[in-house]
PDB file of N, CA and C in Angstrom:
ATOM      1  N   MET A   1     -34.303 -85.598  11.386  1.00  0.00           N
ATOM      2  CA  MET A   1     -34.659 -84.717  10.370  1.00  0.00           C
ATOM      3  C   MET A   1     -35.830 -83.714  10.232  1.00  0.00           C
ATOM      4  N   ALA A   2     -36.019 -82.438  10.590  1.00  0.00           N
ATOM      5  CA  ALA A   2     -36.972 -81.314  10.748  1.00  0.00           C
ATOM      6  C   ALA A   2     -37.979 -81.846   9.222  1.00  0.00           C
ATOM      7  N   ARG A   3     -37.322 -81.776   8.455  1.00  0.00           N
ATOM      8  CA  ARG A   3     -37.893 -81.875   7.122  1.00  0.00           C
ATOM      9  C   ARG A   3     -39.068 -83.219   6.422  1.00  0.00           C
ATOM     10  N   ILE A   4     -38.076 -84.291   7.332  1.00  0.00           N
ATOM     11  CA  ILE A   4     -38.994 -85.624   7.300  1.00  0.00           C
ATOM     12  C   ILE A   4     -40.484 -85.503   7.926  1.00  0.00           C
ATOM     13  N   HIS A   5     -40.101 -84.541   9.367  1.00  0.00           N
ATOM     14  CA  HIS A   5     -41.171 -84.777  10.098  1.00  0.00           C
ATOM     15  C   HIS A   5     -42.135 -84.078   9.215  1.00  0.00           C
ATOM     16  N   TYR A   6     -41.761 -82.799   9.148  1.00  0.00           N
ATOM     17  CA  TYR A   6     -42.309 -81.968   8.198  1.00  0.00           C
ATOM     18  C   TYR A   6     -43.713 -82.560   6.981  1.00  0.00           C
ATOM     19  N   ALA A   7     -42.704 -83.341   6.301  1.00  0.00           N
ATOM     20  CA  ALA A   7     -43.534 -83.901   5.126  1.00  0.00           C
ATOM     21  C   ALA A   7     -44.447 -85.472   5.467  1.00  0.00           C
ATOM     22  N   SER A   8     -43.977 -86.354   6.903  1.00  0.00           N
ATOM     23  CA  SER A   8     -44.222 -87.162   7.523  1.00  0.00           C
ATOM     24  C   SER A   8     -45.804 -86.250   7.895  1.00  0.00           C
ATOM     25  N   LYS A   9     -45.904 -85.390   8.601  1.00  0.00           N
ATOM     26  CA  LYS A   9     -46.875 -84.496   8.599  1.00  0.00           C
ATOM     27  C   LYS A   9     -47.986 -84.460   8.059  1.00  0.00           C
ATOM     28  N   GLY A  10     -47.348 -83.944   6.109  1.00  0.00           N
ATOM     29  CA  GLY A  10     -48.352 -83.537   5.263  1.00  0.00           C
ATOM     30  C   GLY A  10     -48.769 -85.171   4.786  1.00  0.00           C
ATOM     31  N   PHE A  11     -48.114 -86.177   4.680  1.00  0.00           N
ATOM     32  CA  PHE A  11     -48.313 -87.076   4.519  1.00  0.00           C
ATOM     33  C   PHE A  11     -49.666 -87.874   5.648  1.00  0.00           C
ATOM     34  N   ARG A  12     -49.788 -87.878   6.843  1.00  0.00           N
ATOM     35  CA  ARG A  12     -50.417 -88.252   7.674  1.00  0.00           C
ATOM     36  C   ARG A  12     -52.471 -87.419   7.228  1.00  0.00           C
ATOM     37  N   GLU A  13     -51.689 -85.572   6.351  1.00  0.00           N
ATOM     38  CA  GLU A  13     -53.109 -84.996   6.392  1.00  0.00           C
ATOM     39  C   GLU A  13     -53.590 -85.330   5.452  1.00  0.00           C
ATOM     40  N   GLN A  14     -52.920 -86.153   4.691  1.00  0.00           N
ATOM     41  CA  GLN A  14     -53.362 -86.460   3.495  1.00  0.00           C
ATOM     42  C   GLN A  14     -54.074 -87.861   2.888  1.00  0.00           C
ATOM     43  N   SER A  15     -53.491 -89.002   4.149  1.00  0.00           N
ATOM     44  CA  SER A  15     -53.957 -90.104   3.976  1.00  0.00           C
ATOM     45  C   SER A  15     -55.027 -90.678   3.434  1.00  0.00           C
ATOM     46  N   GLU A  16     -56.307 -89.798   3.604  1.00  0.00           N
ATOM     47  CA  GLU A  16     -57.352 -90.048   3.827  1.00  0.00           C
ATOM     48  C   GLU A  16     -57.642 -90.062   1.633  1.00  0.00           C
ATOM     49  N   ILE A  17     -56.741 -89.490   1.285  1.00  0.00           N
ATOM     50  CA  ILE A  17     -56.686 -89.384   0.092  1.00  0.00           C
ATOM     51  C   ILE A  17     -55.932 -90.342  -0.731  1.00  0.00           C
ATOM     52  N   LEU A  18     -54.548 -90.683  -0.247  1.00  0.00           N
ATOM     53  CA  LEU A  18     -53.840 -91.431  -1.351  1.00  0.00           C
ATOM     54  C   LEU A  18     -53.615 -92.723  -0.249  1.00  0.00           C
ATOM     55  N   THR A  19     -54.733 -93.369   0.369  1.00  0.00           N
ATOM     56  CA  THR A  19     -55.368 -94.451   0.537  1.00  0.00           C
ATOM     57  C   THR A  19     -56.501 -94.828   0.474  1.00  0.00           C
ATOM     58  N   ARG A  20     -57.059 -94.187  -0.552  1.00  0.00           N
ATOM     59  CA  ARG A  20     -58.439 -94.574  -1.113  1.00  0.00           C
ATOM     60  C   ARG A  20     -58.152 -95.285  -2.358  1.00  0.00           C
ATOM     61  N   ASN A  21     -59.437 -96.388  -2.694  1.00  0.00           N
ATOM     62  CA  ASN A  21     -59.365 -97.371  -3.765  1.00  0.00           C
ATOM     63  C   ASN A  21     -60.388 -96.343  -5.066  1.00  0.00           C
ATOM     64  N   ASP A  22     -60.823 -95.535  -4.567  1.00  0.00           N
ATOM     65  CA  ASP A  22     -61.577 -94.696  -5.969  1.00  0.00           C
ATOM     66  C   ASP A  22     -61.136 -93.519  -6.349  1.00  0.00           C
ATOM     67  N   VAL A  23     -59.459 -93.302  -5.770  1.00  0.00           N
ATOM     68  CA  VAL A  23     -58.955 -91.997  -6.426  1.00  0.00           C
ATOM     69  C   VAL A  23     -57.715 -92.795  -7.130  1.00  0.00           C
ATOM     70  N   SER A  24     -57.960 -91.942  -8.471  1.00  0.00           N
ATOM     71  CA  SER A  24     -56.997 -91.915  -9.434  1.00  0.00           C
ATOM     72  C   SER A  24     -55.606 -92.212  -9.198  1.00  0.00           C
ATOM     73  N   LEU A  25     -54.501 -93.076  -9.661  1.00  0.00           N
ATOM     74  CA  LEU A  25     -53.189 -93.075  -9.274  1.00  0.00           C
ATOM     75  C   LEU A  25     -52.652 -91.654  -9.734  1.00  0.00           C
ATOM     76  N   LYS A  26     -53.055 -91.425 -10.871  1.00  0.00           N
ATOM     77  CA  LYS A  26     -52.602 -89.803 -11.352  1.00  0.00           C
ATOM     78  C   LYS A  26     -52.890 -88.822 -10.534  1.00  0.00           C
ATOM     79  N   LEU A  27     -54.179 -88.652  -9.561  1.00  0.00           N
ATOM     80  CA  LEU A  27     -54.500 -87.384  -8.430  1.00  0.00           C
ATOM     81  C   LEU A  27     -53.964 -87.892  -7.557  1.00  0.00           C
ATOM     82  N   LYS A  28     -53.360 -89.648  -6.814  1.00  0.00           N
ATOM     83  CA  LYS A  28     -52.385 -89.509  -5.935  1.00  0.00           C
ATOM     84  C   LYS A  28     -51.263 -89.072  -5.774  1.00  0.00           C
ATOM     85  N   GLY A  29     -50.474 -88.871  -7.711  1.00  0.00           N
ATOM     86  CA  GLY A  29     -49.112 -88.850  -7.409  1.00  0.00           C
ATOM     87  C   GLY A  29     -49.306 -87.179  -7.409  1.00  0.00           C
ATOM     88  N   LYS A  30     -50.293 -86.707  -7.944  1.00  0.00           N
ATOM     89  CA  LYS A  30     -50.714 -85.082  -7.723  1.00  0.00           C
ATOM     90  C   LYS A  30     -50.431 -84.623  -6.416  1.00  0.00           C
ATOM     91  N   VAL A  31     -51.587 -85.112  -5.847  1.00  0.00           N
ATOM     92  CA  VAL A  31     -51.407 -84.565  -4.362  1.00  0.00           C
ATOM     93  C   VAL A  31     -50.341 -85.089  -3.420  1.00  0.00           C
ATOM     94  N   TYR A  32     -49.673 -86.112  -3.418  1.00  0.00           N
ATOM     95  CA  TYR A  32     -47.993 -86.647  -2.791  1.00  0.00           C
ATOM     96  C   TYR A  32     -46.882 -85.411  -3.169  1.00  0.00           C
ATOM     97  N   VAL A  33     -46.727 -85.106  -4.543  1.00  0.00           N
ATOM     98  CA  VAL A  33     -46.017 -84.409  -4.941  1.00  0.00           C
ATOM     99  C   VAL A  33     -45.878 -83.047  -4.171  1.00  0.00           C
ATOM    100  N   ILE A  34     -47.551 -82.364  -4.206  1.00  0.00           N
ATOM    101  CA  ILE A  34     -47.429 -81.119  -3.914  1.00  0.00           C
ATOM    102  C   ILE A  34     -47.295 -80.911  -2.353  1.00  0.00           C
ATOM    103  N   CYS A  35     -48.664 -81.883  -1.750  1.00  0.00           N
ATOM    104  CA  CYS A  35     -48.533 -81.743  -0.755  1.00  0.00           C
ATOM    105  C   CYS A  35     -47.505 -82.102   0.409  1.00  0.00           C
ATOM    106  N   VAL A  36     -46.772 -83.610  -0.034  1.00  0.00           N
ATOM    107  CA  VAL A  36     -46.073 -84.278   0.904  1.00  0.00           C
ATOM    108  C   VAL A  36     -44.344 -84.288   0.793  1.00  0.00           C
ATOM    109  N   LYS A  37     -43.716 -84.307  -0.999  1.00  0.00           N
ATOM    110  CA  LYS A  37     -42.801 -84.097  -1.433  1.00  0.00           C
ATOM    111  C   LYS A  37     -42.521 -82.286  -1.256  1.00  0.00           C
ATOM    112  N   SER A  38     -42.830 -81.419  -1.356  1.00  0.00           N
ATOM    113  CA  SER A  38     -42.602 -80.519  -2.255  1.00  0.00           C
ATOM    114  C   SER A  38     -42.143 -79.829  -0.596  1.00  0.00           C
ATOM    115  N   ALA A  39     -42.590 -80.662   0.846  1.00  0.00           N
ATOM    116  CA  ALA A  39     -42.497 -80.350   2.372  1.00  0.00           C
ATOM    117  C   ALA A  39     -41.181 -80.615   2.453  1.00  0.00           C
ATOM    118  N   MET A  40     -40.836 -81.944   2.365  1.00  0.00           N
ATOM    119  CA  MET A  40     -39.830 -82.818   2.194  1.00  0.00           C
ATOM    120  C   MET A  40     -38.319 -82.371   1.943  1.00  0.00           C
ATOM    121  N   VAL A  41     -38.994 -80.843   0.470  1.00  0.00           N
ATOM    122  CA  VAL A  41     -37.649 -81.055  -0.156  1.00  0.00           C
ATOM    123  C   VAL A  41     -37.576 -78.942  -0.070  1.00  0.00           C
ATOM    124  N   TYR A  42     -38.073 -78.717   0.628  1.00  0.00           N
ATOM    125  CA  TYR A  42     -38.417 -77.705   0.419  1.00  0.00           C
ATOM    126  C   TYR A  42     -36.940 -77.021   1.130  1.00  0.00           C
ATOM    127  N   GLY A  43     -36.454 -76.207   0.476  1.00  0.00           N
ATOM    128  CA  GLY A  43     -35.109 -75.070   0.665  1.00  0.00           C
ATOM    129  C   GLY A  43     -34.114 -75.824   0.210  1.00  0.00           C
ATOM    130  N   SER A  44     -33.987 -77.145  -0.429  1.00  0.00           N
ATOM    131  CA  SER A  44     -33.214 -77.938  -0.178  1.00  0.00           C
ATOM    132  C   SER A  44     -31.746 -77.593  -1.451  1.00  0.00           C
ATOM    133  N   GLU A  45     -32.354 -76.220  -2.373  1.00  0.00           N
ATOM    134  CA  GLU A  45     -31.141 -76.152  -2.721  1.00  0.00           C
ATOM    135  C   GLU A  45     -30.465 -75.333  -2.701  1.00  0.00           C
ATOM    136  N   THR A  46     -30.300 -75.141  -1.150  1.00  0.00           N
ATOM    137  CA  THR A  46     -29.071 -74.402  -0.331  1.00  0.00           C
ATOM    138  C   THR A  46     -28.370 -75.495   0.638  1.00  0.00           C
ATOM    139  N   TRP A  47     -29.039 -76.910   1.066  1.00  0.00           N
ATOM    140  CA  TRP A  47     -28.403 -77.889   1.541  1.00  0.00           C
ATOM    141  C   TRP A  47     -27.255 -78.588   0.928  1.00  0.00           C
ATOM    142  N   VAL A  48     -26.384 -78.992   1.444  1.00  0.00           N
ATOM    143  CA  VAL A  48     -25.482 -79.490   1.006  1.00  0.00           C
ATOM    144  C   VAL A  48     -25.872 -80.993   2.037  1.00  0.00           C
ATOM    145  N   MET A  49     -25.902 -82.125   1.614  1.00  0.00           N
ATOM    146  CA  MET A  49     -26.253 -82.902   1.856  1.00  0.00           C
ATOM    147  C   MET A  49     -25.074 -84.554   2.286  1.00  0.00           C
ATOM    148  N   ASN A  50     -25.424 -85.304   3.054  1.00  0.00           N
ATOM    149  CA  ASN A  50     -24.196 -86.162   2.915  1.00  0.00           C
ATOM    150  C   ASN A  50     -25.313 -87.787   2.353  1.00  0.00           C
ATOM    151  N   ALA A  51     -24.363 -88.332   2.367  1.00  0.00           N
ATOM    152  CA  ALA A  51     -24.793 -90.147   1.790  1.00  0.00           C
ATOM    153  C   ALA A  51     -25.866 -90.385   2.722  1.00  0.00           C
ATOM    154  N   GLU A  52     -25.763 -90.625   4.163  1.00  0.00           N
ATOM    155  CA  GLU A  52     -27.026 -90.213   5.283  1.00  0.00           C
ATOM    156  C   GLU A  52     -28.431 -89.880   5.008  1.00  0.00           C
ATOM    157  N   GLN A  53     -28.154 -88.924   4.500  1.00  0.00           N
ATOM    158  CA  GLN A  53     -29.682 -87.781   4.887  1.00  0.00           C
ATOM    159  C   GLN A  53     -30.319 -88.474   3.349  1.00  0.00           C
ATOM    160  N   ILE A  54     -29.249 -88.207   2.290  1.00  0.00           N
ATOM    161  CA  ILE A  54     -30.030 -88.361   1.133  1.00  0.00           C
ATOM    162  C   ILE A  54     -30.601 -90.386   1.633  1.00  0.00           C
ATOM    163  N   GLY A  55     -30.175 -91.064   2.064  1.00  0.00           N
ATOM    164  CA  GLY A  55     -30.692 -92.113   1.966  1.00  0.00           C
ATOM    165  C   GLY A  55     -31.891 -92.399   3.043  1.00  0.00           C
ATOM    166  N   ARG A  56     -31.968 -91.569   4.210  1.00  0.00           N
ATOM    167  CA  ARG A  56     -32.592 -91.510   4.799  1.00  0.00           C
ATOM    168  C   ARG A  56     -34.276 -90.734   3.946  1.00  0.00           C
ATOM    169  N   PHE A  57     -34.253 -89.113   3.122  1.00  0.00           N
ATOM    170  CA  PHE A  57     -35.067 -89.451   2.817  1.00  0.00           C
ATOM    171  C   PHE A  57     -35.859 -90.128   1.019  1.00  0.00           C
ATOM    172  N   GLU A  58     -34.624 -90.890   1.070  1.00  0.00           N
ATOM    173  CA  GLU A  58     -35.171 -91.904   0.345  1.00  0.00           C
ATOM    174  C   GLU A  58     -35.589 -93.063   0.614  1.00  0.00           C
ATOM    175  N   TRP A  59     -35.172 -93.638   1.855  1.00  0.00           N
ATOM    176  CA  TRP A  59     -36.049 -94.797   3.001  1.00  0.00           C
ATOM    177  C   TRP A  59     -37.278 -94.472   2.500  1.00  0.00           C
ATOM    178  N   THR A  60     -37.231 -93.045   3.536  1.00  0.00           N
ATOM    179  CA  THR A  60     -38.866 -92.092   3.827  1.00  0.00           C
ATOM    180  C   THR A  60     -39.850 -92.521   2.458  1.00  0.00           C
ATOM    181  N   GLU A  61     -39.328 -92.082   1.607  1.00  0.00           N
ATOM    182  CA  GLU A  61     -40.348 -92.095   0.757  1.00  0.00           C
ATOM    183  C   GLU A  61     -40.583 -93.212  -0.078  1.00  0.00           C
ATOM    184  N   ILE A  62     -40.121 -94.232  -0.187  1.00  0.00           N
ATOM    185  CA  ILE A  62     -40.613 -95.917  -0.144  1.00  0.00           C
ATOM    186  C   ILE A  62     -40.917 -95.988   0.639  1.00  0.00           C
ATOM    187  N   MET A  63     -41.071 -95.758   2.050  1.00  0.00           N
ATOM    188  CA  MET A  63     -42.167 -96.390   2.960  1.00  0.00           C
ATOM    189  C   MET A  63     -43.646 -95.970   2.665  1.00  0.00           C
ATOM    190  N   TRP A  64     -43.392 -94.641   2.515  1.00  0.00           N
ATOM    191  CA  TRP A  64     -44.708 -94.005   2.523  1.00  0.00           C
ATOM    192  C   TRP A  64     -45.217 -94.895   0.935  1.00  0.00           C
ATOM    193  N   CYS A  65     -44.054 -94.880   0.008  1.00  0.00           N
ATOM    194  CA  CYS A  65     -45.563 -95.995  -0.978  1.00  0.00           C
ATOM    195  C   CYS A  65     -45.514 -96.798  -0.686  1.00  0.00           C
ATOM    196  N   VAL A  66     -44.522 -98.044   0.266  1.00  0.00           N
ATOM    197  CA  VAL A  66     -45.095 -98.922   0.117  1.00  0.00           C
ATOM    198  C   VAL A  66     -46.603 -98.906   1.187  1.00  0.00           C
ATOM    199  N   SER A  67     -46.744 -97.873   2.105  1.00  0.00           N
ATOM    200  CA  SER A  67     -48.151 -98.237   3.243  1.00  0.00           C
ATOM    201  C   SER A  67     -49.335 -97.819   2.608  1.00  0.00           C
ATOM    202  N   GLU A  68     -48.410 -96.815   1.539  1.00  0.00           N
ATOM    203  CA  GLU A  68     -49.914 -96.381   0.558  1.00  0.00           C
ATOM    204  C   GLU A  68     -50.200 -97.261  -0.482  1.00  0.00           C
ATOM    205  N   GLY A  69     -49.796 -99.037  -0.908  1.00  0.00           N
ATOM    206  CA  GLY A  69     -50.560 -99.645  -1.637  1.00  0.00           C
ATOM    207  C   GLY A  69     -50.996-100.675  -1.018  1.00  0.00           C
TER     208      GLY A  69
END
């Protein structure tokens, strides 16, 4: 899915901030929502998603959270 690709690119671009220990979780959360999650769900209000696509989005988001911690 192209959206996951764009969101992955955003995650990689912001990984320096998202993986730093001296940055608060609140700020990391804001950066994640603004730069990563927004890219992943852009235009989603017009999509019809099946269970597989929903699962892929959820799995991707979980993997980012695990790799950040």
